[in-house]
Amino acid sequence: MDNHLAAIWCWEKITKTRPLSILHIDAHYDLAHSPPGEFMYQNIDLNRTLITEIESFKHQMGYNYFRWDNYIHLFNDKYPKLIDELIAITHRLGGLTKLHEVQMRESDIWRLNSLYLEAQNTKILNLDIDYFFMKSANNYLPIFSEQTIMLFAHWLSKNKDKFNQITIALSPECCGSWENSIDMANKILKPLEIIIGI
């Protein structure tokens, strides 16, 4: 997806009979509050909604209802007690509000091999390519060495089957360009033999 706005559309398709663990790797927390006013998500069947409709869906008060930074709260509000744990590997950017009844831990990319996700839980890897970039002046620059990127790519290849779902946001606006974002994504996905075209 272009940004994490569509993650909630993907998450609707997972089985909801077991608690959920989310490993969130993103420059941002994506934990802004649910929008004020009437909670409309409970009446929206995202399995019957196109992703393009989610992007343009307006609250009756006139603002965009689904945003790249509130989808985790919306999902948790619709399915209370489903998300059991959220492990955040971020640059600590964006709003950070508490998820009701969710255990949240922070970690970093260097501790991926020692991370424990509750064994019996359904698991989602929620990856945003902007994690690999940092804004400097007016430019977005890669912040990890090629070796670190390859280590992450091999971790992903080795651990992909531990996750019930993997969502990947390209977020070109936070990587400097589509070219930067897709180039980085292709490096990360190379061991999986997945290629994203421009």
C-alpha atoms as a PDB file:
ATOM      1  CA  MET A   1       0.000   0.000   0.000  1.00  0.00           C
ATOM      2  CA  ASP A   2       1.150   3.593  -0.456  1.00  0.00           C
ATOM      3  CA  ASN A   3       0.734   4.401   3.250  1.00  0.00           C
ATOM      4  CA  HIS A   4      -0.708   2.643   6.266  1.00  0.00           C
ATOM      5  CA  LEU A   5      -4.223   3.866   5.625  1.00  0.00           C
ATOM      6  CA  ALA A   6      -5.068   0.517   4.001  1.00  0.00           C
ATOM      7  CA  ALA A   7      -3.734  -1.622   6.873  1.00  0.00           C
ATOM      8  CA  ILE A   8      -7.118  -1.596   8.587  1.00  0.00           C
ATOM      9  CA  TRP A   9      -8.696  -2.963   5.385  1.00  0.00           C
ATOM     10  CA  CYS A  10      -6.218  -5.856   5.464  1.00  0.00           C
ATOM     11  CA  TRP A  11      -6.675  -6.506   9.175  1.00  0.00           C
ATOM     12  CA  GLU A  12     -10.419  -6.972   8.714  1.00  0.00           C
ATOM     13  CA  LYS A  13      -9.609 -10.155   6.812  1.00  0.00           C
ATOM     14  CA  ILE A  14      -7.749 -11.922   9.633  1.00  0.00           C
ATOM     15  CA  THR A  15      -9.376 -14.508  11.884  1.00  0.00           C
ATOM     16  CA  LYS A  16     -10.506 -12.865  15.103  1.00  0.00           C
ATOM     17  CA  THR A  17     -10.933 -15.948  17.278  1.00  0.00           C
ATOM     18  CA  ARG A  18      -7.549 -15.569  19.035  1.00  0.00           C
ATOM     19  CA  PRO A  19      -5.809 -12.585  20.655  1.00  0.00           C
ATOM     20  CA  LEU A  20      -3.691 -10.500  18.304  1.00  0.00           C
ATOM     21  CA  SER A  21      -0.027  -9.509  18.516  1.00  0.00           C
ATOM     22  CA  ILE A  22       1.172  -6.663  16.291  1.00  0.00           C
ATOM     23  CA  LEU A  23       4.822  -5.955  15.541  1.00  0.00           C
ATOM     24  CA  HIS A  24       4.766  -2.362  14.287  1.00  0.00           C
ATOM     25  CA  ILE A  25       7.967  -1.251  12.498  1.00  0.00           C
ATOM     26  CA  ASP A  26       7.478   2.331  11.366  1.00  0.00           C
ATOM     27  CA  ALA A  27       9.077   5.758  11.736  1.00  0.00           C
ATOM     28  CA  HIS A  28       5.795   6.805  13.412  1.00  0.00           C
ATOM     29  CA  TYR A  29       3.729   5.330  16.222  1.00  0.00           C
ATOM     30  CA  ASP A  30       0.493   5.686  14.180  1.00  0.00           C
ATOM     31  CA  LEU A  31      -1.346   6.003  17.502  1.00  0.00           C
ATOM     32  CA  ALA A  32      -3.415   9.146  17.090  1.00  0.00           C
ATOM     33  CA  HIS A  33      -6.822   8.979  18.785  1.00  0.00           C
ATOM     34  CA  SER A  34      -9.911   7.766  16.991  1.00  0.00           C
ATOM     35  CA  PRO A  35     -11.708  10.729  15.395  1.00  0.00           C
ATOM     36  CA  PRO A  36     -14.101  12.713  17.598  1.00  0.00           C
ATOM     37  CA  GLY A  37     -17.830  12.421  17.176  1.00  0.00           C
ATOM     38  CA  GLU A  38     -19.876   9.354  16.317  1.00  0.00           C
ATOM     39  CA  PHE A  39     -17.929   6.066  16.062  1.00  0.00           C
ATOM     40  CA  MET A  40     -18.801   5.074  12.507  1.00  0.00           C
ATOM     41  CA  TYR A  41     -16.367   2.220  11.868  1.00  0.00           C
ATOM     42  CA  GLN A  42     -18.589  -0.317  13.656  1.00  0.00           C
ATOM     43  CA  ASN A  43     -21.204   0.161  10.905  1.00  0.00           C
ATOM     44  CA  ILE A  44     -18.761  -0.041   7.975  1.00  0.00           C
ATOM     45  CA  ASP A  45     -18.021  -3.443   6.427  1.00  0.00           C
ATOM     46  CA  LEU A  46     -14.505  -2.999   5.093  1.00  0.00           C
ATOM     47  CA  ASN A  47     -14.652  -6.428   3.473  1.00  0.00           C
ATOM     48  CA  ARG A  48     -17.187  -4.893   1.075  1.00  0.00           C
ATOM     49  CA  THR A  49     -15.400  -1.558   0.699  1.00  0.00           C
ATOM     50  CA  LEU A  50     -12.752  -0.679  -1.857  1.00  0.00           C
ATOM     51  CA  ILE A  51      -9.478   0.719  -0.518  1.00  0.00           C
ATOM     52  CA  THR A  52     -10.054   3.847  -2.613  1.00  0.00           C
ATOM     53  CA  GLU A  53     -13.363   4.391  -0.807  1.00  0.00           C
ATOM     54  CA  ILE A  54     -11.633   4.178   2.589  1.00  0.00           C
ATOM     55  CA  GLU A  55      -9.295   6.977   1.565  1.00  0.00           C
ATOM     56  CA  SER A  56     -12.139   9.291   0.625  1.00  0.00           C
ATOM     57  CA  PHE A  57     -14.582   8.282   3.375  1.00  0.00           C
ATOM     58  CA  LYS A  58     -15.714  11.420   5.202  1.00  0.00           C
ATOM     59  CA  HIS A  59     -17.101  11.767   8.682  1.00  0.00           C
ATOM     60  CA  GLN A  60     -20.422  13.634   8.867  1.00  0.00           C
ATOM     61  CA  MET A  61     -18.422  16.494  10.404  1.00  0.00           C
ATOM     62  CA  GLY A  62     -16.458  16.784   7.144  1.00  0.00           C
ATOM     63  CA  TYR A  63     -12.996  15.386   7.928  1.00  0.00           C
ATOM     64  CA  ASN A  64     -11.362  12.185   6.684  1.00  0.00           C
ATOM     65  CA  TYR A  65     -12.407   9.392   9.017  1.00  0.00           C
ATOM     66  CA  PHE A  66      -9.724   6.811   8.229  1.00  0.00           C
ATOM     67  CA  ARG A  67      -6.190   8.228   8.389  1.00  0.00           C
ATOM     68  CA  TRP A  68      -2.693   6.788   8.301  1.00  0.00           C
ATOM     69  CA  ASP A  69      -2.200   7.692  11.971  1.00  0.00           C
ATOM     70  CA  ASN A  70      -5.481   6.520  13.584  1.00  0.00           C
ATOM     71  CA  TYR A  71      -6.167   3.087  12.083  1.00  0.00           C
ATOM     72  CA  ILE A  72      -4.715   1.168  15.063  1.00  0.00           C
ATOM     73  CA  HIS A  73      -7.002   2.988  17.497  1.00  0.00           C
ATOM     74  CA  LEU A  74     -10.008   2.534  15.210  1.00  0.00           C
ATOM     75  CA  PHE A  75      -9.362  -1.204  14.940  1.00  0.00           C
ATOM     76  CA  ASN A  76      -8.875  -1.530  18.696  1.00  0.00           C
ATOM     77  CA  ASP A  77     -12.060   0.446  19.348  1.00  0.00           C
ATOM     78  CA  LYS A  78     -14.085  -1.803  17.046  1.00  0.00           C
ATOM     79  CA  TYR A  79     -12.568  -5.016  18.417  1.00  0.00           C
ATOM     80  CA  PRO A  80     -11.869  -4.316  22.102  1.00  0.00           C
ATOM     81  CA  LYS A  81      -9.657  -6.898  23.803  1.00  0.00           C
ATOM     82  CA  LEU A  82      -8.627  -8.420  20.452  1.00  0.00           C
ATOM     83  CA  ILE A  83      -5.185  -6.769  20.347  1.00  0.00           C
ATOM     84  CA  ASP A  84      -3.254  -8.347  23.189  1.00  0.00           C
ATOM     85  CA  GLU A  85       0.158  -6.780  22.587  1.00  0.00           C
ATOM     86  CA  LEU A  86       1.739  -4.131  20.370  1.00  0.00           C
ATOM     87  CA  ILE A  87       5.503  -4.089  19.966  1.00  0.00           C
ATOM     88  CA  ALA A  88       6.624  -0.763  18.480  1.00  0.00           C
ATOM     89  CA  ILE A  89       9.937  -0.286  16.706  1.00  0.00           C
ATOM     90  CA  THR A  90       9.850   3.371  15.690  1.00  0.00           C
ATOM     91  CA  HIS A  91      11.719   6.685  15.574  1.00  0.00           C
ATOM     92  CA  ARG A  92       9.233   7.838  18.232  1.00  0.00           C
ATOM     93  CA  LEU A  93       7.518  10.246  15.864  1.00  0.00           C
ATOM     94  CA  GLY A  94       3.836  11.192  15.799  1.00  0.00           C
ATOM     95  CA  GLY A  95       1.132  10.973  18.401  1.00  0.00           C
ATOM     96  CA  LEU A  96       1.423   8.317  21.076  1.00  0.00           C
ATOM     97  CA  THR A  97      -1.852   7.666  22.885  1.00  0.00           C
ATOM     98  CA  LYS A  98      -2.576   4.652  25.038  1.00  0.00           C
ATOM     99  CA  LEU A  99      -4.486   1.760  23.517  1.00  0.00           C
ATOM    100  CA  HIS A 100      -7.181   0.593  25.912  1.00  0.00           C
ATOM    101  CA  GLU A 101      -6.245  -2.742  27.526  1.00  0.00           C
ATOM    102  CA  VAL A 102      -3.302  -3.348  25.162  1.00  0.00           C
ATOM    103  CA  GLN A 103       0.146  -4.205  26.468  1.00  0.00           C
ATOM    104  CA  MET A 104       2.615  -2.012  24.552  1.00  0.00           C
ATOM    105  CA  ARG A 105       6.369  -2.492  24.485  1.00  0.00           C
ATOM    106  CA  GLU A 106       9.032  -0.585  22.633  1.00  0.00           C
ATOM    107  CA  SER A 107      12.043  -2.232  21.052  1.00  0.00           C
ATOM    108  CA  ASP A 108      14.547  -1.607  18.271  1.00  0.00           C
ATOM    109  CA  ILE A 109      15.719  -3.259  15.101  1.00  0.00           C
ATOM    110  CA  TRP A 110      18.799  -4.670  16.815  1.00  0.00           C
ATOM    111  CA  ARG A 111      16.676  -6.834  19.128  1.00  0.00           C
ATOM    112  CA  LEU A 112      14.453  -8.474  16.516  1.00  0.00           C
ATOM    113  CA  ASN A 113      16.009 -11.900  16.978  1.00  0.00           C
ATOM    114  CA  SER A 114      15.248 -11.882  20.691  1.00  0.00           C
ATOM    115  CA  LEU A 115      11.705 -10.489  20.470  1.00  0.00           C
ATOM    116  CA  TYR A 116       9.026 -12.707  21.930  1.00  0.00           C
ATOM    117  CA  LEU A 117       5.494 -12.625  20.560  1.00  0.00           C
ATOM    118  CA  GLU A 118       2.829 -14.541  22.468  1.00  0.00           C
ATOM    119  CA  ALA A 119       2.969 -18.000  20.904  1.00  0.00           C
ATOM    120  CA  GLN A 120      -0.782 -18.681  20.720  1.00  0.00           C
ATOM    121  CA  ASN A 121      -1.708 -15.273  19.309  1.00  0.00           C
ATOM    122  CA  THR A 122      -2.525 -14.358  15.733  1.00  0.00           C
ATOM    123  CA  LYS A 123       0.417 -12.244  14.569  1.00  0.00           C
ATOM    124  CA  ILE A 124       0.691  -9.258  12.230  1.00  0.00           C
ATOM    125  CA  LEU A 125       3.898  -7.656  11.011  1.00  0.00           C
ATOM    126  CA  ASN A 126       3.001  -4.052  10.212  1.00  0.00           C
ATOM    127  CA  LEU A 127       5.977  -2.593   8.320  1.00  0.00           C
ATOM    128  CA  ASP A 128       6.399   0.923   6.954  1.00  0.00           C
ATOM    129  CA  ILE A 129       9.373   1.527   4.662  1.00  0.00           C
ATOM    130  CA  ASP A 130       9.728   5.048   6.107  1.00  0.00           C
ATOM    131  CA  TYR A 131      11.387   3.418   9.131  1.00  0.00           C
ATOM    132  CA  PHE A 132      14.547   3.193   7.034  1.00  0.00           C
ATOM    133  CA  PHE A 133      14.657   6.945   6.296  1.00  0.00           C
ATOM    134  CA  MET A 134      15.171  10.138   8.297  1.00  0.00           C
ATOM    135  CA  LYS A 135      14.422  13.692   7.256  1.00  0.00           C
ATOM    136  CA  SER A 136      17.471  15.984   7.060  1.00  0.00           C
ATOM    137  CA  ALA A 137      16.782  19.587   6.031  1.00  0.00           C
ATOM    138  CA  ASN A 138      14.496  19.140   2.986  1.00  0.00           C
ATOM    139  CA  ASN A 139      15.658  15.642   2.091  1.00  0.00           C
ATOM    140  CA  TYR A 140      14.896  12.138   3.287  1.00  0.00           C
ATOM    141  CA  LEU A 141      18.035  10.035   3.624  1.00  0.00           C
ATOM    142  CA  PRO A 142      18.532   6.324   4.293  1.00  0.00           C
ATOM    143  CA  ILE A 143      19.754   5.933   7.883  1.00  0.00           C
ATOM    144  CA  PHE A 144      20.927   2.320   7.951  1.00  0.00           C
ATOM    145  CA  SER A 145      23.923   0.721   6.285  1.00  0.00           C
ATOM    146  CA  GLU A 146      23.435  -1.727   3.418  1.00  0.00           C
ATOM    147  CA  GLN A 147      24.594  -4.465   5.803  1.00  0.00           C
ATOM    148  CA  THR A 148      21.874  -3.606   8.343  1.00  0.00           C
ATOM    149  CA  ILE A 149      19.232  -3.531   5.612  1.00  0.00           C
ATOM    150  CA  MET A 150      20.359  -6.955   4.414  1.00  0.00           C
ATOM    151  CA  LEU A 151      20.294  -8.297   7.972  1.00  0.00           C
ATOM    152  CA  PHE A 152      16.696  -7.091   8.305  1.00  0.00           C
ATOM    153  CA  ALA A 153      15.802  -8.576   4.910  1.00  0.00           C
ATOM    154  CA  HIS A 154      17.154 -11.957   5.974  1.00  0.00           C
ATOM    155  CA  TRP A 155      15.342 -11.725   9.322  1.00  0.00           C
ATOM    156  CA  LEU A 156      12.095 -11.096   7.413  1.00  0.00           C
ATOM    157  CA  SER A 157      12.743 -14.007   5.071  1.00  0.00           C
ATOM    158  CA  LYS A 158      13.517 -16.333   7.972  1.00  0.00           C
ATOM    159  CA  ASN A 159      10.558 -15.243  10.132  1.00  0.00           C
ATOM    160  CA  LYS A 160       7.807 -14.495   7.600  1.00  0.00           C
ATOM    161  CA  ASP A 161       5.926 -17.714   8.315  1.00  0.00           C
ATOM    162  CA  LYS A 162       5.574 -16.800  11.999  1.00  0.00           C
ATOM    163  CA  PHE A 163       3.128 -14.064  10.970  1.00  0.00           C
ATOM    164  CA  ASN A 164      -0.459 -14.629   9.885  1.00  0.00           C
ATOM    165  CA  GLN A 165      -0.376 -11.388   7.930  1.00  0.00           C
ATOM    166  CA  ILE A 166       2.282  -8.930   6.767  1.00  0.00           C
ATOM    167  CA  THR A 167       1.271  -5.421   5.740  1.00  0.00           C
ATOM    168  CA  ILE A 168       3.829  -3.176   4.049  1.00  0.00           C
ATOM    169  CA  ALA A 169       3.392   0.566   3.554  1.00  0.00           C
ATOM    170  CA  LEU A 170       5.649   2.347   1.073  1.00  0.00           C
ATOM    171  CA  SER A 171       4.972   5.907   2.344  1.00  0.00           C
ATOM    172  CA  PRO A 172       6.860   7.692  -0.456  1.00  0.00           C
ATOM    173  CA  GLU A 173       6.074  11.094   1.084  1.00  0.00           C
ATOM    174  CA  CYS A 174       8.183  10.076   4.114  1.00  0.00           C
ATOM    175  CA  CYS A 175      10.973   8.479   2.083  1.00  0.00           C
ATOM    176  CA  GLY A 176      11.619  11.383  -0.300  1.00  0.00           C
ATOM    177  CA  SER A 177      10.048   9.839  -3.412  1.00  0.00           C
ATOM    178  CA  TRP A 178       8.407   6.770  -4.874  1.00  0.00           C
ATOM    179  CA  GLU A 179      11.796   5.781  -6.289  1.00  0.00           C
ATOM    180  CA  ASN A 180      13.462   5.868  -2.848  1.00  0.00           C
ATOM    181  CA  SER A 181      10.629   3.961  -1.229  1.00  0.00           C
ATOM    182  CA  ILE A 182      10.361   1.251  -3.876  1.00  0.00           C
ATOM    183  CA  ASP A 183      14.141   0.838  -4.103  1.00  0.00           C
ATOM    184  CA  MET A 184      14.333   0.267  -0.330  1.00  0.00           C
ATOM    185  CA  ALA A 185      11.336  -2.073  -0.360  1.00  0.00           C
ATOM    186  CA  ASN A 186      12.922  -4.146  -3.117  1.00  0.00           C
ATOM    187  CA  LYS A 187      16.142  -4.492  -1.113  1.00  0.00           C
ATOM    188  CA  ILE A 188      14.155  -5.713   1.866  1.00  0.00           C
ATOM    189  CA  LEU A 189      11.979  -8.063  -0.185  1.00  0.00           C
ATOM    190  CA  LYS A 190      14.777  -9.467  -2.355  1.00  0.00           C
ATOM    191  CA  PRO A 191      15.281 -12.653  -0.260  1.00  0.00           C
ATOM    192  CA  LEU A 192      11.540 -13.293  -0.677  1.00  0.00           C
ATOM    193  CA  GLU A 193      11.894 -12.907  -4.463  1.00  0.00           C
ATOM    194  CA  ILE A 194       9.240 -10.176  -4.473  1.00  0.00           C
ATOM    195  CA  ILE A 195       9.807  -7.210  -6.776  1.00  0.00           C
ATOM    196  CA  ILE A 196       7.742  -4.017  -6.721  1.00  0.00           C
ATOM    197  CA  GLY A 197       7.713  -2.181 -10.050  1.00  0.00           C
ATOM    198  CA  ILE A 198       7.738   1.575 -10.479  1.00  0.00           C
END
